[in-house]
Amino acid sequence: MCWRTSGGCAPVFKGDEMVGAYGVSGATGDQDEEIARFARAQVGWAHLPQNDNTPPEVRQHINEIYAKVGLGDRAL
């Protein structure tokens, strides 16, 4: 699984298969994320697998890291 810790980038899934990734850069992290979310919605890309099987302890660890770097609103 590929998880991100900054705004504007994420893996791209078709069903449960990761088929690519994207990145947006050039503004602040929050602005990059807003642009990326808009673009992702326009083309119908999923940034999580259809059946997310991330173990709870991994999910908790990721959310703790997100909170430390100020990305709590992007937590899993």
PDB file of N, CA and C in Angstrom:
ATOM      1  N   MET A   1       0.842  -1.174   0.000  1.00  0.00           N
ATOM      2  CA  MET A   1       0.000   0.000   0.000  1.00  0.00           C
ATOM      3  C   MET A   1       0.884   1.232   0.000  1.00  0.00           C
ATOM      4  N   CYS A   2       0.465   2.233  -0.717  1.00  0.00           N
ATOM      5  CA  CYS A   2       1.215   3.486  -0.822  1.00  0.00           C
ATOM      6  C   CYS A   2       0.398   4.581  -0.142  1.00  0.00           C
ATOM      7  N   TRP A   3       0.918   5.144   0.924  1.00  0.00           N
ATOM      8  CA  TRP A   3       0.227   6.241   1.594  1.00  0.00           C
ATOM      9  C   TRP A   3       1.070   7.489   1.504  1.00  0.00           C
ATOM     10  N   ARG A   4       0.436   8.606   1.538  1.00  0.00           N
ATOM     11  CA  ARG A   4       1.113   9.874   1.371  1.00  0.00           C
ATOM     12  C   ARG A   4       1.105  10.643   2.669  1.00  0.00           C
ATOM     13  N   THR A   5       2.047  11.536   2.826  1.00  0.00           N
ATOM     14  CA  THR A   5       2.073  12.396   4.010  1.00  0.00           C
ATOM     15  C   THR A   5       2.072  13.868   3.647  1.00  0.00           C
ATOM     16  N   SER A   6       1.861  14.182   2.382  1.00  0.00           N
ATOM     17  CA  SER A   6       1.744  15.588   1.988  1.00  0.00           C
ATOM     18  C   SER A   6       0.582  15.748   1.025  1.00  0.00           C
ATOM     19  N   GLY A   7       0.122  16.956   0.862  1.00  0.00           N
ATOM     20  CA  GLY A   7      -1.026  17.201   0.005  1.00  0.00           C
ATOM     21  C   GLY A   7      -0.687  17.147  -1.470  1.00  0.00           C
ATOM     22  N   GLY A   8      -1.695  16.832  -2.280  1.00  0.00           N
ATOM     23  CA  GLY A   8      -1.551  16.906  -3.727  1.00  0.00           C
ATOM     24  C   GLY A   8      -1.066  15.655  -4.413  1.00  0.00           C
ATOM     25  N   CYS A   9      -0.950  14.552  -3.690  1.00  0.00           N
ATOM     26  CA  CYS A   9      -0.507  13.322  -4.340  1.00  0.00           C
ATOM     27  C   CYS A   9      -1.216  12.122  -3.718  1.00  0.00           C
ATOM     28  N   ALA A  10      -1.390  11.073  -4.502  1.00  0.00           N
ATOM     29  CA  ALA A  10      -2.031   9.855  -4.006  1.00  0.00           C
ATOM     30  C   ALA A  10      -1.912   8.757  -5.045  1.00  0.00           C
ATOM     31  N   PRO A  11      -2.029   7.508  -4.600  1.00  0.00           N
ATOM     32  CA  PRO A  11      -2.110   6.416  -5.565  1.00  0.00           C
ATOM     33  C   PRO A  11      -3.467   6.450  -6.248  1.00  0.00           C
ATOM     34  N   VAL A  12      -3.592   5.773  -7.382  1.00  0.00           N
ATOM     35  CA  VAL A  12      -4.850   5.670  -8.122  1.00  0.00           C
ATOM     36  C   VAL A  12      -5.219   4.188  -8.187  1.00  0.00           C
ATOM     37  N   PHE A  13      -6.446   3.869  -7.794  1.00  0.00           N
ATOM     38  CA  PHE A  13      -6.918   2.489  -7.781  1.00  0.00           C
ATOM     39  C   PHE A  13      -8.051   2.269  -8.765  1.00  0.00           C
ATOM     40  N   LYS A  14      -8.066   1.099  -9.356  1.00  0.00           N
ATOM     41  CA  LYS A  14      -9.209   0.597 -10.112  1.00  0.00           C
ATOM     42  C   LYS A  14      -9.614  -0.666  -9.386  1.00  0.00           C
ATOM     43  N   GLY A  15     -10.743  -0.602  -8.674  1.00  0.00           N
ATOM     44  CA  GLY A  15     -11.110  -1.699  -7.794  1.00  0.00           C
ATOM     45  C   GLY A  15     -10.110  -1.784  -6.660  1.00  0.00           C
ATOM     46  N   ASP A  16      -9.472  -2.938  -6.516  1.00  0.00           N
ATOM     47  CA  ASP A  16      -8.466  -3.121  -5.475  1.00  0.00           C
ATOM     48  C   ASP A  16      -7.043  -3.054  -6.015  1.00  0.00           C
ATOM     49  N   GLU A  17      -6.884  -2.801  -7.301  1.00  0.00           N
ATOM     50  CA  GLU A  17      -5.559  -2.781  -7.923  1.00  0.00           C
ATOM     51  C   GLU A  17      -5.043  -1.348  -8.056  1.00  0.00           C
ATOM     52  N   MET A  18      -3.830  -1.114  -7.556  1.00  0.00           N
ATOM     53  CA  MET A  18      -3.215   0.195  -7.740  1.00  0.00           C
ATOM     54  C   MET A  18      -2.685   0.250  -9.165  1.00  0.00           C
ATOM     55  N   VAL A  19      -3.193   1.204  -9.957  1.00  0.00           N
ATOM     56  CA  VAL A  19      -2.842   1.284 -11.376  1.00  0.00           C
ATOM     57  C   VAL A  19      -1.983   2.504 -11.705  1.00  0.00           C
ATOM     58  N   GLY A  20      -1.684   3.306 -10.717  1.00  0.00           N
ATOM     59  CA  GLY A  20      -0.863   4.485 -10.968  1.00  0.00           C
ATOM     60  C   GLY A  20      -0.844   5.399  -9.767  1.00  0.00           C
ATOM     61  N   ALA A  21      -0.377   6.598 -10.007  1.00  0.00           N
ATOM     62  CA  ALA A  21      -0.323   7.620  -8.970  1.00  0.00           C
ATOM     63  C   ALA A  21      -0.291   8.981  -9.659  1.00  0.00           C
ATOM     64  N   TYR A  22      -0.538  10.025  -8.896  1.00  0.00           N
ATOM     65  CA  TYR A  22      -0.471  11.369  -9.454  1.00  0.00           C
ATOM     66  C   TYR A  22       0.108  12.303  -8.408  1.00  0.00           C
ATOM     67  N   GLY A  23       0.560  13.446  -8.853  1.00  0.00           N
ATOM     68  CA  GLY A  23       1.055  14.468  -7.951  1.00  0.00           C
ATOM     69  C   GLY A  23       0.764  15.844  -8.516  1.00  0.00           C
ATOM     70  N   VAL A  24       0.395  16.765  -7.643  1.00  0.00           N
ATOM     71  CA  VAL A  24       0.155  18.161  -8.002  1.00  0.00           C
ATOM     72  C   VAL A  24       1.103  18.987  -7.155  1.00  0.00           C
ATOM     73  N   SER A  25       1.791  19.932  -7.769  1.00  0.00           N
ATOM     74  CA  SER A  25       2.743  20.741  -7.024  1.00  0.00           C
ATOM     75  C   SER A  25       2.769  22.151  -7.597  1.00  0.00           C
ATOM     76  N   GLY A  26       3.159  23.093  -6.750  1.00  0.00           N
ATOM     77  CA  GLY A  26       3.315  24.461  -7.224  1.00  0.00           C
ATOM     78  C   GLY A  26       2.671  25.484  -6.315  1.00  0.00           C
ATOM     79  N   ALA A  27       1.788  25.030  -5.447  1.00  0.00           N
ATOM     80  CA  ALA A  27       1.137  25.938  -4.501  1.00  0.00           C
ATOM     81  C   ALA A  27       1.453  25.429  -3.096  1.00  0.00           C
ATOM     82  N   THR A  28       0.667  25.835  -2.107  1.00  0.00           N
ATOM     83  CA  THR A  28       0.855  25.272  -0.766  1.00  0.00           C
ATOM     84  C   THR A  28       0.348  23.829  -0.780  1.00  0.00           C
ATOM     85  N   GLY A  29       0.726  23.054   0.229  1.00  0.00           N
ATOM     86  CA  GLY A  29       0.255  21.677   0.319  1.00  0.00           C
ATOM     87  C   GLY A  29      -1.263  21.593   0.328  1.00  0.00           C
ATOM     88  N   ASP A  30      -1.915  22.485   1.081  1.00  0.00           N
ATOM     89  CA  ASP A  30      -3.379  22.484   1.136  1.00  0.00           C
ATOM     90  C   ASP A  30      -3.990  22.831  -0.224  1.00  0.00           C
ATOM     91  N   GLN A  31      -3.417  23.811  -0.904  1.00  0.00           N
ATOM     92  CA  GLN A  31      -3.927  24.179  -2.231  1.00  0.00           C
ATOM     93  C   GLN A  31      -3.694  23.048  -3.236  1.00  0.00           C
ATOM     94  N   ASP A  32      -2.502  22.429  -3.179  1.00  0.00           N
ATOM     95  CA  ASP A  32      -2.233  21.291  -4.057  1.00  0.00           C
ATOM     96  C   ASP A  32      -3.257  20.190  -3.823  1.00  0.00           C
ATOM     97  N   GLU A  33      -3.582  19.935  -2.556  1.00  0.00           N
ATOM     98  CA  GLU A  33      -4.553  18.876  -2.230  1.00  0.00           C
ATOM     99  C   GLU A  33      -5.940  19.233  -2.764  1.00  0.00           C
ATOM    100  N   GLU A  34      -6.348  20.481  -2.608  1.00  0.00           N
ATOM    101  CA  GLU A  34      -7.665  20.900  -3.100  1.00  0.00           C
ATOM    102  C   GLU A  34      -7.754  20.729  -4.621  1.00  0.00           C
ATOM    103  N   ILE A  35      -6.713  21.127  -5.322  1.00  0.00           N
ATOM    104  CA  ILE A  35      -6.676  20.969  -6.784  1.00  0.00           C
ATOM    105  C   ILE A  35      -6.704  19.493  -7.155  1.00  0.00           C
ATOM    106  N   ALA A  36      -5.915  18.689  -6.434  1.00  0.00           N
ATOM    107  CA  ALA A  36      -5.860  17.250  -6.721  1.00  0.00           C
ATOM    108  C   ALA A  36      -7.206  16.583  -6.487  1.00  0.00           C
ATOM    109  N   ARG A  37      -7.872  16.920  -5.392  1.00  0.00           N
ATOM    110  CA  ARG A  37      -9.195  16.322  -5.117  1.00  0.00           C
ATOM    111  C   ARG A  37     -10.198  16.694  -6.208  1.00  0.00           C
ATOM    112  N   PHE A  38     -10.177  17.949  -6.647  1.00  0.00           N
ATOM    113  CA  PHE A  38     -11.081  18.379  -7.711  1.00  0.00           C
ATOM    114  C   PHE A  38     -10.804  17.595  -8.991  1.00  0.00           C
ATOM    115  N   ALA A  39      -9.531  17.516  -9.368  1.00  0.00           N
ATOM    116  CA  ALA A  39      -9.167  16.798 -10.598  1.00  0.00           C
ATOM    117  C   ALA A  39      -9.532  15.322 -10.505  1.00  0.00           C
ATOM    118  N   ARG A  40      -9.259  14.715  -9.351  1.00  0.00           N
ATOM    119  CA  ARG A  40      -9.581  13.296  -9.158  1.00  0.00           C
ATOM    120  C   ARG A  40     -11.081  13.060  -9.313  1.00  0.00           C
ATOM    121  N   ALA A  41     -11.890  13.932  -8.754  1.00  0.00           N
ATOM    122  CA  ALA A  41     -13.341  13.791  -8.871  1.00  0.00           C
ATOM    123  C   ALA A  41     -13.800  13.940 -10.319  1.00  0.00           C
ATOM    124  N   GLN A  42     -13.161  14.835 -11.071  1.00  0.00           N
ATOM    125  CA  GLN A  42     -13.544  15.063 -12.465  1.00  0.00           C
ATOM    126  C   GLN A  42     -13.307  13.842 -13.351  1.00  0.00           C
ATOM    127  N   VAL A  43     -12.246  13.093 -13.066  1.00  0.00           N
ATOM    128  CA  VAL A  43     -11.928  11.929 -13.908  1.00  0.00           C
ATOM    129  C   VAL A  43     -12.363  10.615 -13.279  1.00  0.00           C
ATOM    130  N   GLY A  44     -12.885  10.659 -12.052  1.00  0.00           N
ATOM    131  CA  GLY A  44     -13.408   9.455 -11.419  1.00  0.00           C
ATOM    132  C   GLY A  44     -12.353   8.518 -10.847  1.00  0.00           C
ATOM    133  N   TRP A  45     -11.194   9.058 -10.497  1.00  0.00           N
ATOM    134  CA  TRP A  45     -10.137   8.227  -9.909  1.00  0.00           C
ATOM    135  C   TRP A  45     -10.417   7.968  -8.440  1.00  0.00           C
ATOM    136  N   ALA A  46     -10.111   6.759  -7.987  1.00  0.00           N
ATOM    137  CA  ALA A  46     -10.210   6.412  -6.572  1.00  0.00           C
ATOM    138  C   ALA A  46      -8.821   6.473  -5.961  1.00  0.00           C
ATOM    139  N   HIS A  47      -8.692   7.059  -4.775  1.00  0.00           N
ATOM    140  CA  HIS A  47      -7.384   7.137  -4.126  1.00  0.00           C
ATOM    141  C   HIS A  47      -7.202   6.078  -3.047  1.00  0.00           C
ATOM    142  N   LEU A  48      -8.221   5.248  -2.866  1.00  0.00           N
ATOM    143  CA  LEU A  48      -8.150   4.111  -1.950  1.00  0.00           C
ATOM    144  C   LEU A  48      -8.667   2.872  -2.674  1.00  0.00           C
ATOM    145  N   PRO A  49      -8.212   1.691  -2.273  1.00  0.00           N
ATOM    146  CA  PRO A  49      -8.744   0.478  -2.896  1.00  0.00           C
ATOM    147  C   PRO A  49     -10.222   0.321  -2.576  1.00  0.00           C
ATOM    148  N   GLN A  50     -10.925  -0.378  -3.433  1.00  0.00           N
ATOM    149  CA  GLN A  50     -12.357  -0.593  -3.228  1.00  0.00           C
ATOM    150  C   GLN A  50     -12.610  -1.296  -1.896  1.00  0.00           C
ATOM    151  N   ASN A  51     -11.806  -2.266  -1.571  1.00  0.00           N
ATOM    152  CA  ASN A  51     -11.910  -3.010  -0.317  1.00  0.00           C
ATOM    153  C   ASN A  51     -10.646  -2.745   0.496  1.00  0.00           C
ATOM    154  N   ASP A  52     -10.637  -1.647   1.218  1.00  0.00           N
ATOM    155  CA  ASP A  52      -9.457  -1.251   1.988  1.00  0.00           C
ATOM    156  C   ASP A  52      -9.265  -2.221   3.149  1.00  0.00           C
ATOM    157  N   ASN A  53      -8.194  -2.987   3.100  1.00  0.00           N
ATOM    158  CA  ASN A  53      -7.929  -3.976   4.140  1.00  0.00           C
ATOM    159  C   ASN A  53      -6.742  -3.573   5.019  1.00  0.00           C
ATOM    160  N   THR A  54      -6.538  -2.280   5.166  1.00  0.00           N
ATOM    161  CA  THR A  54      -5.468  -1.785   6.025  1.00  0.00           C
ATOM    162  C   THR A  54      -5.749  -2.225   7.460  1.00  0.00           C
ATOM    163  N   PRO A  55      -4.806  -2.935   8.095  1.00  0.00           N
ATOM    164  CA  PRO A  55      -5.024  -3.369   9.477  1.00  0.00           C
ATOM    165  C   PRO A  55      -5.234  -2.171  10.403  1.00  0.00           C
ATOM    166  N   PRO A  56      -6.083  -2.330  11.412  1.00  0.00           N
ATOM    167  CA  PRO A  56      -6.389  -1.212  12.318  1.00  0.00           C
ATOM    168  C   PRO A  56      -5.152  -0.588  12.950  1.00  0.00           C
ATOM    169  N   GLU A  57      -4.151  -1.398  13.316  1.00  0.00           N
ATOM    170  CA  GLU A  57      -2.961  -0.838  13.953  1.00  0.00           C
ATOM    171  C   GLU A  57      -2.151   0.000  12.973  1.00  0.00           C
ATOM    172  N   VAL A  58      -2.149  -0.367  11.696  1.00  0.00           N
ATOM    173  CA  VAL A  58      -1.465   0.427  10.672  1.00  0.00           C
ATOM    174  C   VAL A  58      -2.236   1.720  10.440  1.00  0.00           C
ATOM    175  N   ARG A  59      -3.543   1.618  10.354  1.00  0.00           N
ATOM    176  CA  ARG A  59      -4.397   2.798  10.179  1.00  0.00           C
ATOM    177  C   ARG A  59      -4.170   3.798  11.313  1.00  0.00           C
ATOM    178  N   GLN A  60      -4.103   3.297  12.561  1.00  0.00           N
ATOM    179  CA  GLN A  60      -3.880   4.169  13.707  1.00  0.00           C
ATOM    180  C   GLN A  60      -2.521   4.850  13.599  1.00  0.00           C
ATOM    181  N   HIS A  61      -1.501   4.095  13.231  1.00  0.00           N
ATOM    182  CA  HIS A  61      -0.155   4.664  13.091  1.00  0.00           C
ATOM    183  C   HIS A  61      -0.134   5.760  12.018  1.00  0.00           C
ATOM    184  N   ILE A  62      -0.759   5.503  10.882  1.00  0.00           N
ATOM    185  CA  ILE A  62      -0.815   6.488   9.799  1.00  0.00           C
ATOM    186  C   ILE A  62      -1.529   7.751  10.266  1.00  0.00           C
ATOM    187  N   ASN A  63      -2.653   7.576  10.953  1.00  0.00           N
ATOM    188  CA  ASN A  63      -3.404   8.734  11.439  1.00  0.00           C
ATOM    189  C   ASN A  63      -2.596   9.545  12.445  1.00  0.00           C
ATOM    190  N   GLU A  64      -1.781   8.868  13.275  1.00  0.00           N
ATOM    191  CA  GLU A  64      -0.931   9.577  14.229  1.00  0.00           C
ATOM    192  C   GLU A  64       0.126  10.399  13.494  1.00  0.00           C
ATOM    193  N   ILE A  65       0.712   9.835  12.454  1.00  0.00           N
ATOM    194  CA  ILE A  65       1.703  10.575  11.660  1.00  0.00           C
ATOM    195  C   ILE A  65       1.039  11.771  10.996  1.00  0.00           C
ATOM    196  N   TYR A  66      -0.143  11.560  10.387  1.00  0.00           N
ATOM    197  CA  TYR A  66      -0.867  12.670   9.755  1.00  0.00           C
ATOM    198  C   TYR A  66      -1.101  13.791  10.756  1.00  0.00           C
ATOM    199  N   ALA A  67      -1.528  13.445  11.969  1.00  0.00           N
ATOM    200  CA  ALA A  67      -1.812  14.465  12.984  1.00  0.00           C
ATOM    201  C   ALA A  67      -0.551  15.245  13.354  1.00  0.00           C
ATOM    202  N   LYS A  68       0.584  14.558  13.447  1.00  0.00           N
ATOM    203  CA  LYS A  68       1.838  15.223  13.820  1.00  0.00           C
ATOM    204  C   LYS A  68       2.284  16.235  12.778  1.00  0.00           C
ATOM    205  N   VAL A  69       1.991  15.975  11.514  1.00  0.00           N
ATOM    206  CA  VAL A  69       2.428  16.888  10.449  1.00  0.00           C
ATOM    207  C   VAL A  69       1.310  17.821   9.990  1.00  0.00           C
ATOM    208  N   GLY A  70       0.201  17.832  10.747  1.00  0.00           N
ATOM    209  CA  GLY A  70      -0.877  18.766  10.455  1.00  0.00           C
ATOM    210  C   GLY A  70      -1.815  18.332   9.348  1.00  0.00           C
ATOM    211  N   LEU A  71      -1.878  17.025   9.063  1.00  0.00           N
ATOM    212  CA  LEU A  71      -2.761  16.532   8.013  1.00  0.00           C
ATOM    213  C   LEU A  71      -3.903  15.697   8.581  1.00  0.00           C
ATOM    214  N   GLY A  72      -4.369  16.041   9.750  1.00  0.00           N
ATOM    215  CA  GLY A  72      -5.434  15.288  10.389  1.00  0.00           C
ATOM    216  C   GLY A  72      -6.698  15.178   9.557  1.00  0.00           C
ATOM    217  N   ASP A  73      -6.998  16.182   8.753  1.00  0.00           N
ATOM    218  CA  ASP A  73      -8.204  16.143   7.933  1.00  0.00           C
ATOM    219  C   ASP A  73      -8.072  15.177   6.757  1.00  0.00           C
ATOM    220  N   ARG A  74      -6.878  14.630   6.523  1.00  0.00           N
ATOM    221  CA  ARG A  74      -6.677  13.690   5.437  1.00  0.00           C
ATOM    222  C   ARG A  74      -6.512  12.264   5.958  1.00  0.00           C
ATOM    223  N   ALA A  75      -6.742  12.063   7.249  1.00  0.00           N
ATOM    224  CA  ALA A  75      -6.530  10.760   7.852  1.00  0.00           C
ATOM    225  C   ALA A  75      -7.455   9.705   7.257  1.00  0.00           C
ATOM    226  N   LEU A  76      -7.051   8.478   7.427  1.00  0.00           N
ATOM    227  CA  LEU A  76      -7.819   7.351   6.878  1.00  0.00           C
ATOM    228  C   LEU A  76      -9.105   7.150   7.624  1.00  0.00           C
TER     229      LEU A  76
END
